[in-house]
Amino acid sequence: MDWQKAYKDIEDLLLPHFECDIWERGLYLHLVRHTRLVGLESATIPLPAIASALRCSEWQARKTIRSLAEKGCIEIDQTRKGHTVKVLLPYELGIRVIPQESETVDIEDIDFYKDRQYLAALLVRERNQCFYCLSEVTEDSCELDHVVSQLAGGGHGYRKIVVSCHSCNIRKQGTSPEDFLRSLYRRFFLSEKEFEGRMHALSSLQEGDLKPEV
């Protein structure tokens, strides 16, 4: 018997499964100690001994042992000498971890602007560069920018939110993304090749081809 695993299963599976209170937890572990841990299938334990171990009244001890039996984690047979107790371990009761189904999140429903929660994913998508001028940015230095301004109906989805440097965020304001990229090209912030690449990226973004990993 791997008692290290057995104890973990008792704490992590059995006691939570049966919603054991503090009295039931203490008594169950006490009974395990005096039966299964010493190689006994069962043992007869007087009620006063249980009350003494739990530091409680015999009434509380009787209530607790009956409660454990009703829940099914022990079996008892009352005799003149006390309760004959058989303790059942988690694997004998078939208690196991049931994997929880992960909640499916629709990326189309995610707000990528609120609280910068998905900033890291957007930075990876933009390769740690400003979406507009391609300057290097970090989590501390970047801004989240609405490609289409909120006044013009821009939303908070991954097609609408990009990472930008502080300067581009300030200069762009309500300008359309196309016009802003043209202004960067005219002012030599972007080469012709970079400008064409940014316009292509803008088109891909708006078509939903640039999905961040979330």
N, C-alpha and C. Protein backbone atom coordinates (compact mmCIF):
# COMPACT_ATOMS: atom_id res chain seq x y z
N MET A 1 0.84 -1.20 0.00
CA MET A 1 0.00 0.00 0.00
C MET A 1 0.88 1.26 0.00
N ASP A 2 0.66 2.11 -0.95
CA ASP A 2 1.36 3.40 -1.00
C ASP A 2 0.59 4.38 -0.11
N TRP A 3 1.02 4.50 1.15
CA TRP A 3 0.27 5.31 2.09
C TRP A 3 0.38 6.80 1.82
N GLN A 4 1.45 7.21 1.19
CA GLN A 4 1.56 8.63 0.83
C GLN A 4 0.46 9.00 -0.16
N LYS A 5 0.26 8.15 -1.18
CA LYS A 5 -0.81 8.40 -2.15
C LYS A 5 -2.18 8.23 -1.50
N ALA A 6 -2.29 7.22 -0.62
CA ALA A 6 -3.57 6.98 0.05
C ALA A 6 -3.99 8.18 0.88
N TYR A 7 -3.03 8.77 1.59
CA TYR A 7 -3.35 9.94 2.41
C TYR A 7 -3.76 11.12 1.54
N LYS A 8 -3.06 11.32 0.43
CA LYS A 8 -3.42 12.40 -0.48
C LYS A 8 -4.84 12.20 -1.03
N ASP A 9 -5.15 10.94 -1.36
CA ASP A 9 -6.49 10.65 -1.89
C ASP A 9 -7.57 10.87 -0.83
N ILE A 10 -7.23 10.56 0.42
CA ILE A 10 -8.19 10.80 1.51
C ILE A 10 -8.46 12.30 1.64
N GLU A 11 -7.38 13.08 1.68
CA GLU A 11 -7.51 14.53 1.85
C GLU A 11 -8.14 15.20 0.62
N ASP A 12 -7.70 14.79 -0.56
CA ASP A 12 -8.09 15.48 -1.78
C ASP A 12 -9.38 14.96 -2.40
N LEU A 13 -9.71 13.68 -2.13
CA LEU A 13 -10.87 13.08 -2.79
C LEU A 13 -11.98 12.68 -1.81
N LEU A 14 -11.63 11.78 -0.88
CA LEU A 14 -12.67 11.20 -0.04
C LEU A 14 -13.34 12.22 0.88
N LEU A 15 -12.56 12.96 1.65
CA LEU A 15 -13.16 13.90 2.61
C LEU A 15 -13.97 15.00 1.92
N PRO A 16 -13.47 15.58 0.82
CA PRO A 16 -14.32 16.55 0.11
C PRO A 16 -15.56 15.91 -0.53
N HIS A 17 -15.38 14.67 -1.04
CA HIS A 17 -16.50 13.98 -1.70
C HIS A 17 -17.67 13.78 -0.74
N PHE A 18 -17.36 13.38 0.49
CA PHE A 18 -18.40 13.13 1.48
C PHE A 18 -18.73 14.37 2.32
N GLU A 19 -18.09 15.49 1.98
CA GLU A 19 -18.33 16.76 2.68
C GLU A 19 -18.21 16.57 4.19
N CYS A 20 -17.11 15.94 4.59
CA CYS A 20 -16.90 15.63 6.01
C CYS A 20 -16.61 16.90 6.82
N ASP A 21 -17.25 16.99 7.99
CA ASP A 21 -16.96 18.11 8.88
C ASP A 21 -15.71 17.79 9.70
N ILE A 22 -15.34 18.69 10.60
CA ILE A 22 -14.10 18.52 11.34
C ILE A 22 -14.11 17.28 12.22
N TRP A 23 -15.27 16.94 12.80
CA TRP A 23 -15.37 15.73 13.63
C TRP A 23 -15.20 14.48 12.77
N GLU A 24 -15.87 14.46 11.63
CA GLU A 24 -15.81 13.30 10.74
C GLU A 24 -14.40 13.11 10.17
N ARG A 25 -13.75 14.22 9.82
CA ARG A 25 -12.37 14.14 9.33
C ARG A 25 -11.45 13.52 10.37
N GLY A 26 -11.55 14.05 11.61
CA GLY A 26 -10.69 13.54 12.67
C GLY A 26 -10.93 12.08 12.97
N LEU A 27 -12.20 11.68 13.01
CA LEU A 27 -12.51 10.29 13.34
C LEU A 27 -12.10 9.35 12.21
N TYR A 28 -12.35 9.74 10.98
CA TYR A 28 -11.97 8.87 9.86
C TYR A 28 -10.47 8.60 9.88
N LEU A 29 -9.66 9.64 10.07
CA LEU A 29 -8.21 9.47 10.09
C LEU A 29 -7.78 8.65 11.31
N HIS A 30 -8.46 8.84 12.44
CA HIS A 30 -8.16 8.05 13.64
C HIS A 30 -8.45 6.57 13.39
N LEU A 31 -9.56 6.29 12.72
CA LEU A 31 -9.92 4.90 12.43
C LEU A 31 -8.97 4.27 11.43
N VAL A 32 -8.55 5.04 10.44
CA VAL A 32 -7.55 4.53 9.48
C VAL A 32 -6.27 4.15 10.23
N ARG A 33 -5.87 5.02 11.14
CA ARG A 33 -4.63 4.77 11.92
C ARG A 33 -4.70 3.46 12.70
N HIS A 34 -5.85 3.12 13.25
CA HIS A 34 -5.96 1.95 14.12
C HIS A 34 -6.53 0.72 13.41
N THR A 35 -6.71 0.81 12.11
CA THR A 35 -7.14 -0.38 11.35
C THR A 35 -6.22 -0.60 10.15
N ARG A 36 -6.49 0.07 9.08
CA ARG A 36 -5.79 -0.19 7.82
C ARG A 36 -4.29 0.08 7.91
N LEU A 37 -3.90 1.10 8.63
CA LEU A 37 -2.48 1.45 8.70
C LEU A 37 -1.66 0.39 9.42
N VAL A 38 -2.30 -0.37 10.31
CA VAL A 38 -1.58 -1.43 11.02
C VAL A 38 -1.94 -2.81 10.46
N GLY A 39 -2.54 -2.83 9.29
CA GLY A 39 -2.80 -4.09 8.60
C GLY A 39 -4.05 -4.82 9.02
N LEU A 40 -4.98 -4.14 9.71
CA LEU A 40 -6.22 -4.78 10.14
C LEU A 40 -7.35 -4.43 9.18
N GLU A 41 -8.14 -5.42 8.83
CA GLU A 41 -9.32 -5.18 7.99
C GLU A 41 -10.38 -4.43 8.77
N SER A 42 -10.50 -4.76 10.07
CA SER A 42 -11.46 -4.09 10.94
C SER A 42 -10.96 -4.18 12.38
N ALA A 43 -11.59 -3.41 13.26
CA ALA A 43 -11.21 -3.43 14.67
C ALA A 43 -12.41 -3.01 15.50
N THR A 44 -12.51 -3.51 16.71
CA THR A 44 -13.57 -3.13 17.63
C THR A 44 -13.04 -2.04 18.55
N ILE A 45 -13.68 -0.89 18.51
CA ILE A 45 -13.20 0.27 19.25
C ILE A 45 -14.30 0.76 20.18
N PRO A 46 -14.08 0.81 21.47
CA PRO A 46 -15.10 1.28 22.42
C PRO A 46 -15.40 2.76 22.20
N LEU A 47 -16.64 3.12 22.45
CA LEU A 47 -17.06 4.50 22.28
C LEU A 47 -16.25 5.47 23.15
N PRO A 48 -15.95 5.12 24.42
CA PRO A 48 -15.13 6.03 25.23
C PRO A 48 -13.76 6.31 24.62
N ALA A 49 -13.19 5.31 23.94
CA ALA A 49 -11.88 5.50 23.31
C ALA A 49 -11.98 6.49 22.15
N ILE A 50 -13.10 6.41 21.42
CA ILE A 50 -13.32 7.36 20.32
C ILE A 50 -13.50 8.77 20.86
N ALA A 51 -14.30 8.89 21.93
CA ALA A 51 -14.53 10.20 22.53
C ALA A 51 -13.22 10.79 23.06
N SER A 52 -12.38 9.95 23.63
CA SER A 52 -11.10 10.42 24.15
C SER A 52 -10.18 10.88 23.02
N ALA A 53 -10.17 10.14 21.92
CA ALA A 53 -9.31 10.51 20.78
C ALA A 53 -9.74 11.83 20.16
N LEU A 54 -11.06 12.05 20.10
CA LEU A 54 -11.58 13.27 19.49
C LEU A 54 -11.68 14.43 20.48
N ARG A 55 -11.45 14.14 21.76
CA ARG A 55 -11.60 15.14 22.81
C ARG A 55 -13.02 15.73 22.80
N CYS A 56 -13.99 14.79 22.77
CA CYS A 56 -15.39 15.22 22.72
C CYS A 56 -16.23 14.33 23.62
N SER A 57 -17.50 14.61 23.70
CA SER A 57 -18.41 13.80 24.50
C SER A 57 -18.71 12.48 23.79
N GLU A 58 -19.20 11.52 24.53
CA GLU A 58 -19.58 10.25 23.90
C GLU A 58 -20.76 10.46 22.95
N TRP A 59 -21.60 11.44 23.29
CA TRP A 59 -22.73 11.73 22.38
C TRP A 59 -22.21 12.18 21.02
N GLN A 60 -21.19 13.07 21.02
CA GLN A 60 -20.61 13.55 19.77
C GLN A 60 -19.89 12.42 19.04
N ALA A 61 -19.20 11.57 19.79
CA ALA A 61 -18.49 10.45 19.19
C ALA A 61 -19.47 9.50 18.50
N ARG A 62 -20.60 9.18 19.21
CA ARG A 62 -21.61 8.30 18.63
C ARG A 62 -22.22 8.91 17.37
N LYS A 63 -22.53 10.19 17.44
CA LYS A 63 -23.11 10.89 16.29
C LYS A 63 -22.16 10.86 15.10
N THR A 64 -20.88 11.07 15.36
CA THR A 64 -19.89 11.15 14.28
C THR A 64 -19.67 9.81 13.61
N ILE A 65 -19.55 8.74 14.41
CA ILE A 65 -19.29 7.44 13.80
C ILE A 65 -20.50 6.96 13.01
N ARG A 66 -21.69 7.29 13.48
CA ARG A 66 -22.90 6.92 12.73
C ARG A 66 -23.00 7.73 11.43
N SER A 67 -22.58 8.99 11.51
CA SER A 67 -22.61 9.83 10.32
C SER A 67 -21.68 9.29 9.24
N LEU A 68 -20.47 8.87 9.64
CA LEU A 68 -19.52 8.30 8.69
C LEU A 68 -20.08 7.02 8.06
N ALA A 69 -20.76 6.23 8.87
CA ALA A 69 -21.35 4.99 8.36
C ALA A 69 -22.48 5.29 7.38
N GLU A 70 -23.29 6.28 7.69
CA GLU A 70 -24.39 6.65 6.80
C GLU A 70 -23.87 7.18 5.46
N LYS A 71 -22.74 7.87 5.51
CA LYS A 71 -22.17 8.39 4.26
C LYS A 71 -21.52 7.30 3.43
N GLY A 72 -21.17 6.18 4.09
CA GLY A 72 -20.64 5.03 3.35
C GLY A 72 -19.14 4.90 3.32
N CYS A 73 -18.41 5.74 4.07
CA CYS A 73 -16.95 5.61 4.04
C CYS A 73 -16.42 4.67 5.11
N ILE A 74 -17.29 4.22 6.01
CA ILE A 74 -16.94 3.15 6.94
C ILE A 74 -18.14 2.22 7.08
N GLU A 75 -17.88 1.02 7.55
CA GLU A 75 -18.95 0.08 7.88
C GLU A 75 -18.82 -0.24 9.36
N ILE A 76 -19.93 -0.25 10.07
CA ILE A 76 -19.87 -0.51 11.52
C ILE A 76 -20.86 -1.60 11.91
N ASP A 77 -20.49 -2.28 12.99
CA ASP A 77 -21.36 -3.29 13.60
C ASP A 77 -21.24 -3.10 15.11
N GLN A 78 -22.32 -2.66 15.74
CA GLN A 78 -22.26 -2.36 17.17
C GLN A 78 -22.31 -3.66 17.98
N THR A 79 -21.36 -3.81 18.88
CA THR A 79 -21.29 -4.98 19.75
C THR A 79 -21.26 -4.52 21.21
N ARG A 80 -21.26 -5.46 22.13
CA ARG A 80 -21.23 -5.11 23.56
C ARG A 80 -19.88 -4.48 23.93
N LYS A 81 -18.84 -4.78 23.17
CA LYS A 81 -17.51 -4.24 23.46
C LYS A 81 -17.23 -2.91 22.76
N GLY A 82 -18.13 -2.52 21.89
CA GLY A 82 -17.92 -1.28 21.15
C GLY A 82 -18.32 -1.43 19.70
N HIS A 83 -17.88 -0.50 18.88
CA HIS A 83 -18.19 -0.56 17.45
C HIS A 83 -17.09 -1.31 16.71
N THR A 84 -17.49 -2.36 16.00
CA THR A 84 -16.54 -3.01 15.09
C THR A 84 -16.56 -2.23 13.79
N VAL A 85 -15.41 -1.70 13.43
CA VAL A 85 -15.34 -0.74 12.34
C VAL A 85 -14.47 -1.27 11.20
N LYS A 86 -14.98 -1.15 9.98
CA LYS A 86 -14.18 -1.41 8.78
C LYS A 86 -14.09 -0.10 8.01
N VAL A 87 -12.89 0.36 7.78
CA VAL A 87 -12.68 1.63 7.08
C VAL A 87 -12.46 1.35 5.59
N LEU A 88 -13.19 2.08 4.75
CA LEU A 88 -13.05 1.94 3.30
C LEU A 88 -12.18 3.09 2.78
N LEU A 89 -11.21 2.75 1.95
CA LEU A 89 -10.31 3.73 1.38
C LEU A 89 -10.84 4.24 0.04
N PRO A 90 -10.35 5.38 -0.43
CA PRO A 90 -10.89 6.00 -1.65
C PRO A 90 -10.96 5.06 -2.85
N TYR A 91 -9.89 4.26 -3.08
CA TYR A 91 -9.90 3.39 -4.26
C TYR A 91 -10.94 2.30 -4.14
N GLU A 92 -11.28 1.89 -2.90
CA GLU A 92 -12.29 0.86 -2.68
C GLU A 92 -13.70 1.40 -2.90
N LEU A 93 -13.83 2.70 -2.78
CA LEU A 93 -15.13 3.35 -2.97
C LEU A 93 -15.30 3.85 -4.41
N GLY A 94 -14.25 3.70 -5.21
CA GLY A 94 -14.32 4.15 -6.60
C GLY A 94 -14.28 5.65 -6.76
N ILE A 95 -13.77 6.34 -5.73
CA ILE A 95 -13.69 7.81 -5.82
C ILE A 95 -12.43 8.17 -6.59
N ARG A 96 -12.59 8.96 -7.61
CA ARG A 96 -11.45 9.37 -8.43
C ARG A 96 -11.66 10.79 -8.91
N VAL A 97 -10.60 11.35 -9.43
CA VAL A 97 -10.68 12.70 -9.98
C VAL A 97 -11.41 12.65 -11.30
N ILE A 98 -12.42 13.47 -11.43
CA ILE A 98 -13.16 13.58 -12.69
C ILE A 98 -12.68 14.82 -13.41
N PRO A 99 -12.01 14.69 -14.55
CA PRO A 99 -11.51 15.87 -15.26
C PRO A 99 -12.65 16.81 -15.62
N GLN A 100 -12.45 18.07 -15.33
CA GLN A 100 -13.46 19.05 -15.67
C GLN A 100 -13.29 19.49 -17.11
N GLU A 101 -14.41 19.57 -17.80
CA GLU A 101 -14.36 20.03 -19.18
C GLU A 101 -14.01 21.50 -19.20
N SER A 102 -12.98 21.82 -19.97
CA SER A 102 -12.61 23.22 -20.07
C SER A 102 -13.67 23.98 -20.86
N GLU A 103 -13.95 25.16 -20.36
CA GLU A 103 -14.96 25.97 -21.01
C GLU A 103 -14.44 26.48 -22.34
N THR A 104 -15.20 26.27 -23.39
CA THR A 104 -14.81 26.74 -24.71
C THR A 104 -15.09 28.23 -24.83
N VAL A 105 -14.03 28.97 -25.14
CA VAL A 105 -14.16 30.41 -25.28
C VAL A 105 -14.15 30.77 -26.76
N ASP A 106 -15.15 31.49 -27.19
CA ASP A 106 -15.21 31.96 -28.57
C ASP A 106 -14.39 33.23 -28.67
N ILE A 107 -13.34 33.20 -29.46
CA ILE A 107 -12.45 34.36 -29.56
C ILE A 107 -13.17 35.59 -30.08
N GLU A 108 -14.25 35.36 -30.82
CA GLU A 108 -15.00 36.50 -31.35
C GLU A 108 -15.72 37.27 -30.23
N ASP A 109 -15.89 36.65 -29.08
CA ASP A 109 -16.61 37.30 -27.98
C ASP A 109 -15.68 37.96 -26.96
N ILE A 110 -14.37 37.81 -27.14
CA ILE A 110 -13.42 38.32 -26.15
C ILE A 110 -13.20 39.82 -26.32
N ASP A 111 -13.20 40.52 -25.20
CA ASP A 111 -12.87 41.94 -25.17
C ASP A 111 -11.35 42.05 -25.00
N PHE A 112 -10.64 42.44 -26.05
CA PHE A 112 -9.19 42.51 -26.02
C PHE A 112 -8.68 43.86 -25.49
N TYR A 113 -9.58 44.74 -25.15
CA TYR A 113 -9.17 46.06 -24.66
C TYR A 113 -9.25 46.16 -23.14
N LYS A 114 -10.23 45.55 -22.55
CA LYS A 114 -10.49 45.70 -21.13
C LYS A 114 -9.34 45.20 -20.27
N ASP A 115 -8.85 46.06 -19.41
CA ASP A 115 -7.84 45.73 -18.39
C ASP A 115 -6.54 45.17 -18.95
N ARG A 116 -6.32 45.32 -20.24
CA ARG A 116 -5.08 44.82 -20.88
C ARG A 116 -4.87 43.34 -20.60
N GLN A 117 -5.93 42.60 -20.39
CA GLN A 117 -5.85 41.20 -20.00
C GLN A 117 -5.17 40.34 -21.05
N TYR A 118 -5.37 40.67 -22.32
CA TYR A 118 -4.81 39.86 -23.40
C TYR A 118 -3.65 40.57 -24.10
N LEU A 119 -3.03 41.50 -23.38
CA LEU A 119 -1.93 42.26 -23.96
C LEU A 119 -0.79 41.36 -24.41
N ALA A 120 -0.44 40.37 -23.59
CA ALA A 120 0.67 39.48 -23.93
C ALA A 120 0.41 38.76 -25.26
N ALA A 121 -0.83 38.32 -25.46
CA ALA A 121 -1.18 37.61 -26.70
C ALA A 121 -1.09 38.54 -27.89
N LEU A 122 -1.49 39.78 -27.71
CA LEU A 122 -1.42 40.76 -28.81
C LEU A 122 0.02 41.12 -29.12
N LEU A 123 0.86 41.22 -28.09
CA LEU A 123 2.27 41.51 -28.33
C LEU A 123 2.93 40.40 -29.14
N VAL A 124 2.57 39.16 -28.82
CA VAL A 124 3.12 38.04 -29.59
C VAL A 124 2.66 38.14 -31.04
N ARG A 125 1.40 38.46 -31.24
CA ARG A 125 0.87 38.59 -32.60
C ARG A 125 1.60 39.68 -33.37
N GLU A 126 1.88 40.80 -32.71
CA GLU A 126 2.54 41.93 -33.38
C GLU A 126 4.06 41.82 -33.34
N ARG A 127 4.57 40.73 -32.78
CA ARG A 127 6.01 40.49 -32.70
C ARG A 127 6.72 41.62 -31.94
N ASN A 128 6.06 42.08 -30.89
CA ASN A 128 6.60 43.14 -30.04
C ASN A 128 6.93 44.41 -30.82
N GLN A 129 6.09 44.69 -31.79
CA GLN A 129 6.27 45.91 -32.58
C GLN A 129 4.97 46.70 -32.62
N CYS A 130 5.11 48.01 -32.78
CA CYS A 130 3.93 48.84 -32.99
C CYS A 130 3.28 48.42 -34.30
N PHE A 131 1.97 48.24 -34.28
CA PHE A 131 1.27 47.80 -35.48
C PHE A 131 1.45 48.78 -36.63
N TYR A 132 1.62 50.06 -36.31
CA TYR A 132 1.67 51.10 -37.35
C TYR A 132 3.09 51.39 -37.82
N CYS A 133 3.97 51.80 -36.92
CA CYS A 133 5.31 52.25 -37.35
C CYS A 133 6.38 51.18 -37.21
N LEU A 134 6.04 50.04 -36.62
CA LEU A 134 6.95 48.90 -36.46
C LEU A 134 8.07 49.15 -35.46
N SER A 135 7.97 50.19 -34.65
CA SER A 135 8.98 50.41 -33.62
C SER A 135 8.81 49.36 -32.52
N GLU A 136 9.89 49.03 -31.84
CA GLU A 136 9.85 48.01 -30.79
C GLU A 136 9.08 48.52 -29.58
N VAL A 137 8.23 47.66 -29.02
CA VAL A 137 7.46 48.02 -27.84
C VAL A 137 7.52 46.89 -26.82
N THR A 138 7.20 47.21 -25.58
CA THR A 138 7.13 46.22 -24.50
C THR A 138 5.80 46.38 -23.79
N GLU A 139 5.54 45.51 -22.85
CA GLU A 139 4.29 45.62 -22.08
C GLU A 139 4.21 46.95 -21.36
N ASP A 140 5.35 47.46 -20.92
CA ASP A 140 5.36 48.71 -20.16
C ASP A 140 5.25 49.94 -21.05
N SER A 141 5.75 49.83 -22.28
CA SER A 141 5.80 51.03 -23.13
C SER A 141 4.69 51.11 -24.17
N CYS A 142 3.94 50.05 -24.36
CA CYS A 142 2.96 50.04 -25.45
C CYS A 142 1.58 50.51 -25.00
N GLU A 143 0.75 50.78 -25.98
CA GLU A 143 -0.65 51.15 -25.78
C GLU A 143 -1.52 50.18 -26.56
N LEU A 144 -2.77 50.04 -26.12
CA LEU A 144 -3.76 49.31 -26.92
C LEU A 144 -4.54 50.33 -27.71
N ASP A 145 -4.61 50.12 -29.00
CA ASP A 145 -5.23 51.12 -29.88
C ASP A 145 -6.40 50.51 -30.64
N HIS A 146 -7.48 51.28 -30.73
CA HIS A 146 -8.62 50.89 -31.57
C HIS A 146 -8.28 51.24 -33.02
N VAL A 147 -8.16 50.23 -33.85
CA VAL A 147 -7.84 50.48 -35.26
C VAL A 147 -8.85 51.44 -35.85
N VAL A 148 -10.10 51.18 -35.62
CA VAL A 148 -11.18 52.11 -35.98
C VAL A 148 -11.64 52.73 -34.67
N SER A 149 -11.65 54.05 -34.61
CA SER A 149 -11.98 54.73 -33.35
C SER A 149 -13.35 54.32 -32.84
N GLN A 150 -13.52 54.39 -31.54
CA GLN A 150 -14.80 54.03 -30.95
C GLN A 150 -15.91 54.95 -31.44
N LEU A 151 -15.58 56.21 -31.70
CA LEU A 151 -16.59 57.14 -32.21
C LEU A 151 -17.08 56.73 -33.59
N ALA A 152 -16.20 56.03 -34.33
CA ALA A 152 -16.57 55.58 -35.67
C ALA A 152 -17.13 54.16 -35.65
N GLY A 153 -17.37 53.64 -34.45
CA GLY A 153 -17.99 52.32 -34.35
C GLY A 153 -17.02 51.18 -34.16
N GLY A 154 -15.77 51.48 -33.80
CA GLY A 154 -14.80 50.42 -33.57
C GLY A 154 -15.14 49.62 -32.32
N GLY A 155 -14.90 48.33 -32.35
CA GLY A 155 -15.21 47.47 -31.21
C GLY A 155 -13.96 47.08 -30.45
N HIS A 156 -14.10 46.06 -29.62
CA HIS A 156 -12.99 45.63 -28.76
C HIS A 156 -12.48 44.23 -29.11
N GLY A 157 -12.87 43.69 -30.25
CA GLY A 157 -12.44 42.36 -30.65
C GLY A 157 -11.03 42.35 -31.20
N TYR A 158 -10.52 41.16 -31.47
CA TYR A 158 -9.14 41.03 -31.94
C TYR A 158 -8.93 41.65 -33.31
N ARG A 159 -10.01 41.86 -34.06
CA ARG A 159 -9.89 42.52 -35.37
C ARG A 159 -9.80 44.03 -35.23
N LYS A 160 -10.12 44.53 -34.04
CA LYS A 160 -10.23 45.98 -33.83
C LYS A 160 -9.16 46.56 -32.93
N ILE A 161 -8.48 45.71 -32.16
CA ILE A 161 -7.50 46.18 -31.18
C ILE A 161 -6.10 45.74 -31.59
N VAL A 162 -5.16 46.70 -31.60
CA VAL A 162 -3.77 46.39 -31.91
C VAL A 162 -2.87 47.02 -30.86
N VAL A 163 -1.62 46.59 -30.86
CA VAL A 163 -0.61 47.18 -29.99
C VAL A 163 0.07 48.31 -30.77
N SER A 164 0.23 49.44 -30.12
CA SER A 164 0.92 50.56 -30.77
C SER A 164 1.89 51.20 -29.80
N CYS A 165 2.82 51.97 -30.34
CA CYS A 165 3.68 52.76 -29.47
C CYS A 165 2.88 53.97 -28.98
N HIS A 166 3.41 54.64 -27.98
CA HIS A 166 2.70 55.78 -27.40
C HIS A 166 2.53 56.91 -28.42
N SER A 167 3.57 57.15 -29.22
CA SER A 167 3.52 58.24 -30.19
C SER A 167 2.43 58.02 -31.24
N CYS A 168 2.35 56.82 -31.78
CA CYS A 168 1.32 56.53 -32.80
C CYS A 168 -0.07 56.60 -32.19
N ASN A 169 -0.20 56.13 -30.96
CA ASN A 169 -1.49 56.18 -30.29
C ASN A 169 -1.98 57.62 -30.13
N ILE A 170 -1.05 58.53 -29.81
CA ILE A 170 -1.41 59.94 -29.63
C ILE A 170 -1.71 60.59 -30.98
N ARG A 171 -0.86 60.32 -31.99
CA ARG A 171 -1.00 61.00 -33.29
C ARG A 171 -2.21 60.51 -34.08
N LYS A 172 -2.52 59.24 -33.94
CA LYS A 172 -3.58 58.67 -34.78
C LYS A 172 -4.95 59.21 -34.39
N GLN A 173 -5.28 59.20 -33.09
CA GLN A 173 -6.58 59.68 -32.62
C GLN A 173 -7.71 59.07 -33.44
N GLY A 174 -8.55 59.89 -34.09
CA GLY A 174 -9.70 59.38 -34.82
C GLY A 174 -9.44 59.15 -36.30
N THR A 175 -8.16 59.27 -36.71
CA THR A 175 -7.82 59.06 -38.12
C THR A 175 -8.06 57.61 -38.52
N SER A 176 -8.50 57.39 -39.73
CA SER A 176 -8.69 56.01 -40.20
C SER A 176 -7.32 55.34 -40.28
N PRO A 177 -7.25 54.03 -40.10
CA PRO A 177 -5.95 53.34 -40.13
C PRO A 177 -5.25 53.48 -41.47
N GLU A 178 -6.01 53.47 -42.56
CA GLU A 178 -5.41 53.62 -43.89
C GLU A 178 -4.74 54.98 -44.03
N ASP A 179 -5.45 56.04 -43.64
CA ASP A 179 -4.90 57.38 -43.75
C ASP A 179 -3.71 57.57 -42.83
N PHE A 180 -3.77 56.96 -41.65
CA PHE A 180 -2.66 57.12 -40.72
C PHE A 180 -1.41 56.43 -41.25
N LEU A 181 -1.56 55.25 -41.83
CA LEU A 181 -0.41 54.56 -42.40
C LEU A 181 0.17 55.35 -43.57
N ARG A 182 -0.70 55.96 -44.37
CA ARG A 182 -0.21 56.80 -45.47
C ARG A 182 0.59 57.98 -44.94
N SER A 183 0.12 58.56 -43.83
CA SER A 183 0.85 59.70 -43.26
C SER A 183 2.22 59.26 -42.74
N LEU A 184 2.31 58.07 -42.19
CA LEU A 184 3.61 57.57 -41.74
C LEU A 184 4.55 57.34 -42.91
N TYR A 185 4.00 56.87 -44.01
CA TYR A 185 4.81 56.65 -45.22
C TYR A 185 5.29 57.98 -45.80
N ARG A 186 4.40 58.96 -45.85
CA ARG A 186 4.78 60.27 -46.40
C ARG A 186 5.83 60.95 -45.53
N ARG A 187 5.81 60.69 -44.23
CA ARG A 187 6.75 61.33 -43.31
C ARG A 187 7.99 60.46 -43.08
N PHE A 188 8.13 59.41 -43.91
CA PHE A 188 9.31 58.55 -43.93
C PHE A 188 9.49 57.71 -42.66
N PHE A 189 8.38 57.49 -41.92
CA PHE A 189 8.46 56.56 -40.80
C PHE A 189 8.40 55.12 -41.31
N LEU A 190 7.88 54.95 -42.52
CA LEU A 190 7.78 53.63 -43.14
C LEU A 190 8.37 53.70 -44.54
N SER A 191 9.12 52.66 -44.91
CA SER A 191 9.58 52.56 -46.29
C SER A 191 8.42 52.11 -47.17
N GLU A 192 8.61 52.13 -48.45
CA GLU A 192 7.53 51.69 -49.36
C GLU A 192 7.16 50.23 -49.10
N LYS A 193 8.19 49.42 -48.89
CA LYS A 193 7.93 48.00 -48.64
C LYS A 193 7.20 47.82 -47.31
N GLU A 194 7.62 48.57 -46.29
CA GLU A 194 6.97 48.47 -44.98
C GLU A 194 5.53 48.97 -45.04
N PHE A 195 5.31 50.05 -45.82
CA PHE A 195 3.95 50.58 -45.96
C PHE A 195 3.04 49.54 -46.62
N GLU A 196 3.52 48.91 -47.67
CA GLU A 196 2.71 47.88 -48.34
C GLU A 196 2.44 46.71 -47.39
N GLY A 197 3.45 46.37 -46.59
CA GLY A 197 3.28 45.29 -45.62
C GLY A 197 2.25 45.63 -44.55
N ARG A 198 2.25 46.90 -44.10
CA ARG A 198 1.29 47.34 -43.09
C ARG A 198 -0.13 47.38 -43.65
N MET A 199 -0.27 47.78 -44.88
CA MET A 199 -1.60 47.81 -45.49
C MET A 199 -2.13 46.39 -45.66
N HIS A 200 -1.23 45.47 -46.00
CA HIS A 200 -1.64 44.07 -46.12
C HIS A 200 -2.02 43.52 -44.75
N ALA A 201 -1.23 43.86 -43.72
CA ALA A 201 -1.54 43.41 -42.36
C ALA A 201 -2.87 43.96 -41.90
N LEU A 202 -3.16 45.22 -42.24
CA LEU A 202 -4.44 45.83 -41.87
C LEU A 202 -5.60 45.08 -42.51
N SER A 203 -5.44 44.73 -43.78
CA SER A 203 -6.48 43.97 -44.47
C SER A 203 -6.68 42.60 -43.83
N SER A 204 -5.58 41.93 -43.50
CA SER A 204 -5.65 40.61 -42.87
C SER A 204 -6.30 40.70 -41.50
N LEU A 205 -5.96 41.77 -40.77
CA LEU A 205 -6.54 41.98 -39.45
C LEU A 205 -8.06 42.11 -39.54
N GLN A 206 -8.52 42.94 -40.44
CA GLN A 206 -9.95 43.20 -40.56
C GLN A 206 -10.71 42.01 -41.12
N GLU A 207 -10.03 41.13 -41.84
CA GLU A 207 -10.68 39.93 -42.36
C GLU A 207 -10.67 38.79 -41.34
N GLY A 208 -10.01 39.01 -40.19
CA GLY A 208 -9.96 37.99 -39.15
C GLY A 208 -8.89 36.96 -39.30
N ASP A 209 -7.85 37.26 -40.10
CA ASP A 209 -6.78 36.29 -40.33
C ASP A 209 -5.67 36.38 -39.29
N LEU A 210 -5.67 37.43 -38.47
CA LEU A 210 -4.61 37.60 -37.49
C LEU A 210 -5.16 37.32 -36.08
N LYS A 211 -5.47 36.07 -35.82
CA LYS A 211 -6.02 35.70 -34.52
C LYS A 211 -4.89 35.48 -33.52
N PRO A 212 -4.93 36.17 -32.38
CA PRO A 212 -3.91 35.92 -31.35
C PRO A 212 -4.19 34.58 -30.66
N GLU A 213 -3.15 33.99 -30.10
CA GLU A 213 -3.31 32.74 -29.35
C GLU A 213 -3.75 33.06 -27.94
N VAL A 214 -4.95 32.60 -27.55
CA VAL A 214 -5.47 32.87 -26.20
C VAL A 214 -5.80 31.55 -25.51
